[in-house]
Amino acid sequence: MKIKHSKPQIAEADMTPMIDMTFQLIAFFMIVTNFEQTQADERIKLPTDRLARPPLQARENEVVLNIGFERNADGTKKDPNAYVYYGGQPIPVLQYGPRLKREFEISKRMYGEEKARDITVVIRADSDTPTGLVQELIKMGQEAEFTKFALKAKSGTGEPGEE
């Protein structure tokens, strides 16, 4: 009797379920990700206020400005000057006017003049930022023809030391 010798078969795993599971995880994380915080900058320590609350209706178009300080790892200020963080680049607050004008011109071209005036400028200012600088930034925004402004703060009692 003749015995046939066959080469051993190499078992290959079916990757289809793995690919399906990967796409399901991607879809899940896209749904549960909070996209509102994508424009937040971790260097900004927002003030706490008991009256702070999210807007009742989400804004359709907004320009988010993060104002803060260069800080050391322990949270102390490296530089006493406040900066607007634009694309990771710190720009002194009082020099930000031309960028606001450019932002309004771009918005006007994209949406038309009427919709560009409806854009809200959201200011996320560090709790140590002097009020006068925030007012100057609002004034520069008005000179750039923006008309709506909002300030961000964390909800809480406003008591010092509360997180």
N, C-alpha and C. Protein backbone atom coordinates (compact mmCIF):
# COMPACT_ATOMS: atom_id res chain seq x y z
N MET A 1 0.83 -1.16 0.00
CA MET A 1 0.00 0.00 0.00
C MET A 1 0.88 1.24 0.00
N LYS A 2 0.52 2.11 -0.85
CA LYS A 2 1.29 3.32 -1.02
C LYS A 2 0.74 4.43 -0.13
N ILE A 3 1.60 5.09 0.65
CA ILE A 3 1.16 6.19 1.53
C ILE A 3 1.55 7.50 0.88
N LYS A 4 0.56 8.34 0.77
CA LYS A 4 0.82 9.63 0.15
C LYS A 4 1.31 10.61 1.22
N HIS A 5 2.36 11.27 0.90
CA HIS A 5 2.88 12.31 1.80
C HIS A 5 2.41 13.66 1.27
N SER A 6 1.69 14.32 2.08
CA SER A 6 1.24 15.67 1.67
C SER A 6 1.95 16.72 2.53
N LYS A 7 2.15 17.86 1.92
CA LYS A 7 2.78 18.95 2.66
C LYS A 7 1.81 19.47 3.71
N PRO A 8 2.35 19.83 4.86
CA PRO A 8 1.45 20.33 5.90
C PRO A 8 0.77 21.63 5.46
N GLN A 9 -0.50 21.75 5.78
CA GLN A 9 -1.27 22.94 5.45
C GLN A 9 -0.98 24.04 6.48
N ILE A 10 -0.80 25.23 6.01
CA ILE A 10 -0.58 26.36 6.90
C ILE A 10 -1.94 27.02 7.14
N ALA A 11 -2.31 27.09 8.39
CA ALA A 11 -3.60 27.68 8.73
C ALA A 11 -3.48 29.20 8.71
N GLU A 12 -4.36 29.85 7.97
CA GLU A 12 -4.37 31.30 7.91
C GLU A 12 -5.64 31.80 8.57
N ALA A 13 -5.47 32.81 9.39
CA ALA A 13 -6.64 33.38 10.09
C ALA A 13 -7.43 34.25 9.13
N ASP A 14 -8.74 34.21 9.28
CA ASP A 14 -9.62 35.06 8.48
C ASP A 14 -9.64 36.45 9.11
N MET A 15 -9.16 37.45 8.40
CA MET A 15 -9.03 38.81 8.93
C MET A 15 -10.32 39.63 8.79
N THR A 16 -11.31 39.10 8.13
CA THR A 16 -12.55 39.87 7.92
C THR A 16 -13.19 40.31 9.23
N PRO A 17 -13.35 39.44 10.23
CA PRO A 17 -13.95 39.92 11.49
C PRO A 17 -13.11 40.99 12.18
N MET A 18 -11.79 40.89 12.07
CA MET A 18 -10.91 41.88 12.68
C MET A 18 -11.10 43.25 12.02
N ILE A 19 -11.21 43.26 10.72
CA ILE A 19 -11.43 44.52 9.99
C ILE A 19 -12.79 45.10 10.34
N ASP A 20 -13.82 44.25 10.40
CA ASP A 20 -15.16 44.71 10.78
C ASP A 20 -15.14 45.34 12.18
N MET A 21 -14.47 44.68 13.11
CA MET A 21 -14.40 45.18 14.48
C MET A 21 -13.66 46.53 14.53
N THR A 22 -12.61 46.66 13.75
CA THR A 22 -11.86 47.92 13.71
C THR A 22 -12.74 49.06 13.23
N PHE A 23 -13.50 48.84 12.18
CA PHE A 23 -14.38 49.90 11.68
C PHE A 23 -15.49 50.22 12.67
N GLN A 24 -15.98 49.23 13.39
CA GLN A 24 -16.99 49.49 14.40
C GLN A 24 -16.41 50.34 15.54
N LEU A 25 -15.17 50.06 15.94
CA LEU A 25 -14.53 50.88 16.98
C LEU A 25 -14.32 52.31 16.51
N ILE A 26 -13.91 52.48 15.27
CA ILE A 26 -13.73 53.82 14.72
C ILE A 26 -15.06 54.57 14.75
N ALA A 27 -16.12 53.92 14.30
CA ALA A 27 -17.44 54.56 14.30
C ALA A 27 -17.87 54.91 15.73
N PHE A 28 -17.63 54.00 16.68
CA PHE A 28 -18.01 54.25 18.08
C PHE A 28 -17.29 55.48 18.62
N PHE A 29 -15.97 55.56 18.42
CA PHE A 29 -15.22 56.68 18.97
C PHE A 29 -15.55 58.00 18.26
N MET A 30 -15.94 57.93 17.01
CA MET A 30 -16.37 59.17 16.33
C MET A 30 -17.67 59.69 16.94
N ILE A 31 -18.54 58.78 17.35
CA ILE A 31 -19.82 59.19 17.92
C ILE A 31 -19.65 59.75 19.33
N VAL A 32 -18.81 59.13 20.14
CA VAL A 32 -18.72 59.53 21.55
C VAL A 32 -17.69 60.64 21.81
N THR A 33 -16.90 61.01 20.81
CA THR A 33 -15.90 62.07 21.01
C THR A 33 -16.60 63.41 21.15
N ASN A 34 -16.16 64.18 22.14
CA ASN A 34 -16.72 65.51 22.36
C ASN A 34 -15.93 66.49 21.52
N PHE A 35 -16.50 66.88 20.38
CA PHE A 35 -15.79 67.75 19.47
C PHE A 35 -15.79 69.20 19.94
N GLU A 36 -16.61 69.56 20.91
CA GLU A 36 -16.65 70.94 21.40
C GLU A 36 -15.33 71.34 22.04
N GLN A 37 -14.63 70.39 22.64
CA GLN A 37 -13.38 70.70 23.32
C GLN A 37 -12.17 70.69 22.39
N THR A 38 -12.39 70.47 21.09
CA THR A 38 -11.25 70.38 20.19
C THR A 38 -10.53 71.71 20.04
N GLN A 39 -11.19 72.81 20.28
CA GLN A 39 -10.55 74.10 20.16
C GLN A 39 -10.03 74.61 21.50
N ALA A 40 -10.13 73.78 22.51
CA ALA A 40 -9.63 74.17 23.82
C ALA A 40 -8.12 74.00 23.86
N ASP A 41 -7.48 74.82 24.65
CA ASP A 41 -6.03 74.74 24.82
C ASP A 41 -5.76 74.43 26.28
N GLU A 42 -4.98 73.38 26.54
CA GLU A 42 -4.74 72.94 27.91
C GLU A 42 -3.94 73.94 28.72
N ARG A 43 -3.31 74.90 28.07
CA ARG A 43 -2.54 75.92 28.81
C ARG A 43 -3.45 76.96 29.45
N ILE A 44 -4.71 76.99 29.08
CA ILE A 44 -5.65 77.98 29.58
C ILE A 44 -6.35 77.42 30.82
N LYS A 45 -6.24 78.11 31.92
CA LYS A 45 -6.92 77.75 33.17
C LYS A 45 -8.14 78.66 33.30
N LEU A 46 -9.31 78.16 32.89
CA LEU A 46 -10.52 78.98 32.88
C LEU A 46 -10.94 79.38 34.29
N PRO A 47 -11.52 80.58 34.42
CA PRO A 47 -12.06 80.97 35.73
C PRO A 47 -13.31 80.15 36.04
N THR A 48 -13.65 80.05 37.33
CA THR A 48 -14.83 79.32 37.76
C THR A 48 -15.90 80.31 38.16
N ASP A 49 -17.13 80.04 37.74
CA ASP A 49 -18.24 80.93 38.06
C ASP A 49 -19.50 80.10 38.23
N ARG A 50 -20.30 80.42 39.25
CA ARG A 50 -21.52 79.63 39.49
C ARG A 50 -22.58 79.92 38.43
N LEU A 51 -22.48 81.02 37.70
CA LEU A 51 -23.45 81.35 36.67
C LEU A 51 -23.06 80.81 35.29
N ALA A 52 -21.86 80.24 35.18
CA ALA A 52 -21.41 79.72 33.89
C ALA A 52 -22.23 78.50 33.51
N ARG A 53 -22.67 78.49 32.27
CA ARG A 53 -23.41 77.35 31.75
C ARG A 53 -23.21 77.30 30.24
N PRO A 54 -23.34 76.14 29.65
CA PRO A 54 -23.17 76.05 28.19
C PRO A 54 -24.31 76.76 27.49
N PRO A 55 -24.10 77.19 26.24
CA PRO A 55 -25.19 77.85 25.52
C PRO A 55 -26.36 76.88 25.32
N LEU A 56 -27.58 77.44 25.32
CA LEU A 56 -28.77 76.61 25.16
C LEU A 56 -28.80 75.96 23.78
N GLN A 57 -28.30 76.66 22.80
CA GLN A 57 -28.27 76.13 21.44
C GLN A 57 -26.84 76.24 20.93
N ALA A 58 -26.35 75.19 20.31
CA ALA A 58 -24.99 75.21 19.79
C ALA A 58 -24.85 76.27 18.71
N ARG A 59 -23.71 76.96 18.73
CA ARG A 59 -23.46 77.99 17.73
C ARG A 59 -23.09 77.34 16.41
N GLU A 60 -23.62 77.93 15.34
CA GLU A 60 -23.33 77.37 14.02
C GLU A 60 -21.89 77.68 13.61
N ASN A 61 -21.48 78.92 13.74
CA ASN A 61 -20.13 79.33 13.38
C ASN A 61 -19.53 80.13 14.52
N GLU A 62 -18.29 79.83 14.85
CA GLU A 62 -17.63 80.58 15.91
C GLU A 62 -16.13 80.61 15.68
N VAL A 63 -15.51 81.63 16.21
CA VAL A 63 -14.06 81.77 16.21
C VAL A 63 -13.65 81.68 17.68
N VAL A 64 -12.81 80.71 18.03
CA VAL A 64 -12.40 80.51 19.41
C VAL A 64 -11.00 81.08 19.61
N LEU A 65 -10.87 81.98 20.59
CA LEU A 65 -9.58 82.58 20.93
C LEU A 65 -9.18 82.12 22.32
N ASN A 66 -8.02 81.51 22.44
CA ASN A 66 -7.48 81.05 23.72
C ASN A 66 -6.44 82.05 24.19
N ILE A 67 -6.70 82.70 25.33
CA ILE A 67 -5.76 83.68 25.88
C ILE A 67 -5.17 83.11 27.17
N GLY A 68 -3.85 83.10 27.25
CA GLY A 68 -3.22 82.57 28.45
C GLY A 68 -1.77 82.97 28.57
N PHE A 69 -1.07 82.27 29.42
CA PHE A 69 0.31 82.59 29.74
C PHE A 69 1.20 81.39 29.47
N GLU A 70 2.46 81.68 29.18
CA GLU A 70 3.46 80.62 29.11
C GLU A 70 3.74 80.20 30.55
N ARG A 71 3.60 78.92 30.85
CA ARG A 71 3.76 78.45 32.23
C ARG A 71 4.81 77.34 32.31
N ASN A 72 5.41 77.22 33.50
CA ASN A 72 6.32 76.11 33.80
C ASN A 72 5.50 74.87 34.10
N ALA A 73 6.18 73.75 34.30
CA ALA A 73 5.48 72.49 34.60
C ALA A 73 4.69 72.57 35.90
N ASP A 74 5.15 73.40 36.86
CA ASP A 74 4.44 73.52 38.13
C ASP A 74 3.29 74.53 38.06
N GLY A 75 3.07 75.16 36.90
CA GLY A 75 1.94 76.08 36.73
C GLY A 75 2.27 77.54 36.95
N THR A 76 3.51 77.86 37.32
CA THR A 76 3.87 79.27 37.51
C THR A 76 4.16 79.90 36.15
N LYS A 77 3.90 81.19 36.06
CA LYS A 77 4.08 81.91 34.80
C LYS A 77 5.57 82.08 34.49
N LYS A 78 5.94 81.77 33.25
CA LYS A 78 7.29 82.04 32.77
C LYS A 78 7.41 83.50 32.36
N ASP A 79 6.31 84.01 31.81
CA ASP A 79 6.29 85.34 31.23
C ASP A 79 5.03 86.05 31.72
N PRO A 80 5.12 87.29 32.18
CA PRO A 80 3.92 87.97 32.67
C PRO A 80 2.97 88.44 31.56
N ASN A 81 3.41 88.39 30.31
CA ASN A 81 2.58 88.83 29.19
C ASN A 81 1.60 87.73 28.77
N ALA A 82 0.37 88.13 28.48
CA ALA A 82 -0.66 87.19 28.01
C ALA A 82 -0.56 87.06 26.49
N TYR A 83 -0.87 85.86 26.01
CA TYR A 83 -0.79 85.57 24.59
C TYR A 83 -2.09 84.94 24.10
N VAL A 84 -2.39 85.15 22.81
CA VAL A 84 -3.45 84.42 22.14
C VAL A 84 -2.74 83.26 21.45
N TYR A 85 -3.19 82.03 21.72
CA TYR A 85 -2.57 80.85 21.12
C TYR A 85 -3.30 80.55 19.82
N TYR A 86 -2.58 80.72 18.73
CA TYR A 86 -3.14 80.53 17.39
C TYR A 86 -2.35 79.43 16.71
N GLY A 87 -2.95 78.26 16.57
CA GLY A 87 -2.26 77.14 15.95
C GLY A 87 -1.01 76.73 16.72
N GLY A 88 -1.07 76.84 18.05
CA GLY A 88 0.07 76.48 18.88
C GLY A 88 1.12 77.57 18.98
N GLN A 89 0.93 78.66 18.25
CA GLN A 89 1.89 79.76 18.24
C GLN A 89 1.38 80.88 19.15
N PRO A 90 2.18 81.31 20.14
CA PRO A 90 1.73 82.40 21.01
C PRO A 90 1.93 83.76 20.33
N ILE A 91 0.85 84.56 20.31
CA ILE A 91 0.88 85.90 19.73
C ILE A 91 0.44 86.86 20.83
N PRO A 92 1.21 87.93 21.10
CA PRO A 92 0.79 88.89 22.13
C PRO A 92 -0.62 89.41 21.85
N VAL A 93 -1.43 89.53 22.90
CA VAL A 93 -2.84 89.90 22.76
C VAL A 93 -3.00 91.21 21.98
N LEU A 94 -2.21 92.20 22.31
CA LEU A 94 -2.36 93.52 21.69
C LEU A 94 -1.92 93.54 20.23
N GLN A 95 -1.31 92.47 19.74
CA GLN A 95 -0.90 92.38 18.34
C GLN A 95 -1.81 91.47 17.52
N TYR A 96 -2.95 91.09 18.08
CA TYR A 96 -3.81 90.12 17.42
C TYR A 96 -4.84 90.75 16.48
N GLY A 97 -4.98 92.06 16.49
CA GLY A 97 -5.98 92.74 15.67
C GLY A 97 -5.94 92.40 14.19
N PRO A 98 -4.76 92.45 13.53
CA PRO A 98 -4.73 92.13 12.10
C PRO A 98 -5.21 90.71 11.77
N ARG A 99 -4.96 89.77 12.66
CA ARG A 99 -5.44 88.40 12.42
C ARG A 99 -6.96 88.32 12.52
N LEU A 100 -7.54 89.09 13.44
CA LEU A 100 -9.00 89.13 13.54
C LEU A 100 -9.61 89.73 12.27
N LYS A 101 -8.99 90.77 11.75
CA LYS A 101 -9.48 91.38 10.50
C LYS A 101 -9.41 90.37 9.36
N ARG A 102 -8.30 89.64 9.29
CA ARG A 102 -8.14 88.62 8.24
C ARG A 102 -9.18 87.52 8.41
N GLU A 103 -9.44 87.12 9.66
CA GLU A 103 -10.45 86.09 9.93
C GLU A 103 -11.83 86.54 9.45
N PHE A 104 -12.17 87.81 9.69
CA PHE A 104 -13.47 88.31 9.26
C PHE A 104 -13.55 88.35 7.73
N GLU A 105 -12.47 88.77 7.07
CA GLU A 105 -12.46 88.82 5.60
C GLU A 105 -12.63 87.41 5.01
N ILE A 106 -11.97 86.44 5.59
CA ILE A 106 -12.10 85.06 5.11
C ILE A 106 -13.52 84.57 5.33
N SER A 107 -14.10 84.87 6.49
CA SER A 107 -15.47 84.46 6.79
C SER A 107 -16.46 85.13 5.83
N LYS A 108 -16.19 86.39 5.50
CA LYS A 108 -17.07 87.12 4.58
C LYS A 108 -17.04 86.47 3.20
N ARG A 109 -15.87 86.05 2.76
CA ARG A 109 -15.76 85.39 1.46
C ARG A 109 -16.43 84.02 1.48
N MET A 110 -16.30 83.31 2.60
CA MET A 110 -16.86 81.95 2.68
C MET A 110 -18.37 81.95 2.83
N TYR A 111 -18.90 82.81 3.70
CA TYR A 111 -20.31 82.75 4.07
C TYR A 111 -21.14 83.92 3.57
N GLY A 112 -20.51 84.96 3.09
CA GLY A 112 -21.23 86.17 2.75
C GLY A 112 -21.20 87.13 3.94
N GLU A 113 -21.40 88.41 3.69
CA GLU A 113 -21.24 89.42 4.74
C GLU A 113 -22.24 89.26 5.87
N GLU A 114 -23.50 88.93 5.53
CA GLU A 114 -24.53 88.81 6.57
C GLU A 114 -24.23 87.67 7.54
N LYS A 115 -23.86 86.50 7.02
CA LYS A 115 -23.53 85.37 7.90
C LYS A 115 -22.22 85.59 8.65
N ALA A 116 -21.29 86.31 8.04
CA ALA A 116 -20.01 86.58 8.71
C ALA A 116 -20.25 87.43 9.95
N ARG A 117 -21.23 88.31 9.91
CA ARG A 117 -21.54 89.15 11.08
C ARG A 117 -22.21 88.34 12.20
N ASP A 118 -22.77 87.17 11.87
CA ASP A 118 -23.39 86.30 12.87
C ASP A 118 -22.40 85.38 13.57
N ILE A 119 -21.15 85.38 13.14
CA ILE A 119 -20.14 84.53 13.77
C ILE A 119 -19.86 85.06 15.17
N THR A 120 -19.83 84.15 16.13
CA THR A 120 -19.54 84.52 17.52
C THR A 120 -18.06 84.32 17.80
N VAL A 121 -17.44 85.33 18.39
CA VAL A 121 -16.05 85.22 18.83
C VAL A 121 -16.09 84.74 20.28
N VAL A 122 -15.63 83.51 20.50
CA VAL A 122 -15.63 82.91 21.84
C VAL A 122 -14.23 83.13 22.43
N ILE A 123 -14.20 83.79 23.59
CA ILE A 123 -12.93 84.09 24.24
C ILE A 123 -12.77 83.18 25.44
N ARG A 124 -11.73 82.34 25.40
CA ARG A 124 -11.39 81.45 26.51
C ARG A 124 -10.16 82.06 27.17
N ALA A 125 -10.38 82.91 28.15
CA ALA A 125 -9.27 83.61 28.80
C ALA A 125 -8.88 82.93 30.10
N ASP A 126 -7.58 82.81 30.32
CA ASP A 126 -7.03 82.28 31.56
C ASP A 126 -7.55 83.13 32.72
N SER A 127 -7.76 82.51 33.88
CA SER A 127 -8.32 83.24 35.03
C SER A 127 -7.39 84.35 35.51
N ASP A 128 -6.10 84.28 35.17
CA ASP A 128 -5.16 85.33 35.57
C ASP A 128 -5.07 86.48 34.55
N THR A 129 -5.78 86.38 33.43
CA THR A 129 -5.72 87.41 32.40
C THR A 129 -6.41 88.68 32.90
N PRO A 130 -5.73 89.82 32.82
CA PRO A 130 -6.37 91.08 33.24
C PRO A 130 -7.61 91.38 32.39
N THR A 131 -8.65 91.87 33.04
CA THR A 131 -9.90 92.18 32.34
C THR A 131 -9.67 93.17 31.21
N GLY A 132 -8.76 94.11 31.41
CA GLY A 132 -8.47 95.11 30.38
C GLY A 132 -8.00 94.49 29.08
N LEU A 133 -7.23 93.40 29.15
CA LEU A 133 -6.77 92.74 27.93
C LEU A 133 -7.92 92.08 27.19
N VAL A 134 -8.84 91.49 27.94
CA VAL A 134 -10.02 90.87 27.31
C VAL A 134 -10.84 91.96 26.63
N GLN A 135 -11.00 93.11 27.30
CA GLN A 135 -11.74 94.22 26.72
C GLN A 135 -11.06 94.74 25.46
N GLU A 136 -9.73 94.81 25.47
CA GLU A 136 -8.99 95.24 24.28
C GLU A 136 -9.20 94.27 23.13
N LEU A 137 -9.21 92.97 23.43
CA LEU A 137 -9.43 91.97 22.38
C LEU A 137 -10.83 92.09 21.80
N ILE A 138 -11.82 92.34 22.66
CA ILE A 138 -13.19 92.56 22.17
C ILE A 138 -13.23 93.81 21.30
N LYS A 139 -12.55 94.86 21.70
CA LYS A 139 -12.50 96.10 20.91
C LYS A 139 -11.87 95.84 19.54
N MET A 140 -10.78 95.06 19.51
CA MET A 140 -10.15 94.72 18.23
C MET A 140 -11.11 93.90 17.37
N GLY A 141 -11.88 93.01 18.00
CA GLY A 141 -12.87 92.23 17.27
C GLY A 141 -13.96 93.11 16.67
N GLN A 142 -14.39 94.12 17.43
CA GLN A 142 -15.39 95.05 16.92
C GLN A 142 -14.83 95.87 15.76
N GLU A 143 -13.57 96.26 15.87
CA GLU A 143 -12.93 96.99 14.77
C GLU A 143 -12.80 96.12 13.53
N ALA A 144 -12.67 94.81 13.73
CA ALA A 144 -12.60 93.87 12.61
C ALA A 144 -13.99 93.55 12.07
N GLU A 145 -15.05 94.12 12.67
CA GLU A 145 -16.45 94.02 12.25
C GLU A 145 -17.19 92.80 12.81
N PHE A 146 -16.61 92.09 13.78
CA PHE A 146 -17.38 91.07 14.48
C PHE A 146 -18.34 91.77 15.42
N THR A 147 -19.53 91.17 15.63
CA THR A 147 -20.53 91.82 16.48
C THR A 147 -20.94 90.99 17.69
N LYS A 148 -20.67 89.68 17.67
CA LYS A 148 -21.09 88.81 18.76
C LYS A 148 -19.87 88.25 19.48
N PHE A 149 -19.92 88.30 20.82
CA PHE A 149 -18.81 87.82 21.64
C PHE A 149 -19.35 86.98 22.78
N ALA A 150 -18.58 85.98 23.20
CA ALA A 150 -18.94 85.14 24.35
C ALA A 150 -17.67 84.84 25.12
N LEU A 151 -17.80 84.75 26.45
CA LEU A 151 -16.67 84.40 27.30
C LEU A 151 -16.92 83.02 27.89
N LYS A 152 -15.88 82.21 27.98
CA LYS A 152 -15.99 80.87 28.55
C LYS A 152 -15.49 80.85 29.98
N ALA A 153 -16.15 80.06 30.83
CA ALA A 153 -15.74 79.83 32.22
C ALA A 153 -16.20 78.44 32.61
N LYS A 154 -15.60 77.89 33.67
CA LYS A 154 -16.02 76.59 34.20
C LYS A 154 -17.18 76.81 35.16
N SER A 155 -18.10 75.86 35.19
CA SER A 155 -19.20 75.93 36.15
C SER A 155 -18.68 75.58 37.54
N GLY A 156 -19.23 76.22 38.56
CA GLY A 156 -18.83 75.94 39.94
C GLY A 156 -19.36 77.04 40.83
N THR A 157 -18.93 77.05 42.07
CA THR A 157 -19.41 78.06 43.00
C THR A 157 -18.61 79.34 42.94
N GLY A 158 -17.47 79.30 42.24
CA GLY A 158 -16.62 80.48 42.18
C GLY A 158 -15.72 80.60 43.38
N GLU A 159 -15.76 79.61 44.29
CA GLU A 159 -14.91 79.63 45.49
C GLU A 159 -13.48 79.30 45.09
N PRO A 160 -12.50 79.99 45.67
CA PRO A 160 -11.12 79.68 45.36
C PRO A 160 -10.77 78.26 45.78
N GLY A 161 -9.97 77.61 44.98
CA GLY A 161 -9.52 76.26 45.31
C GLY A 161 -10.44 75.17 44.83
N GLU A 162 -11.57 75.51 44.25
CA GLU A 162 -12.52 74.49 43.77
C GLU A 162 -12.11 74.06 42.38
N GLU A 163 -12.20 72.81 42.12
CA GLU A 163 -11.91 72.28 40.78
C GLU A 163 -13.16 71.67 40.20
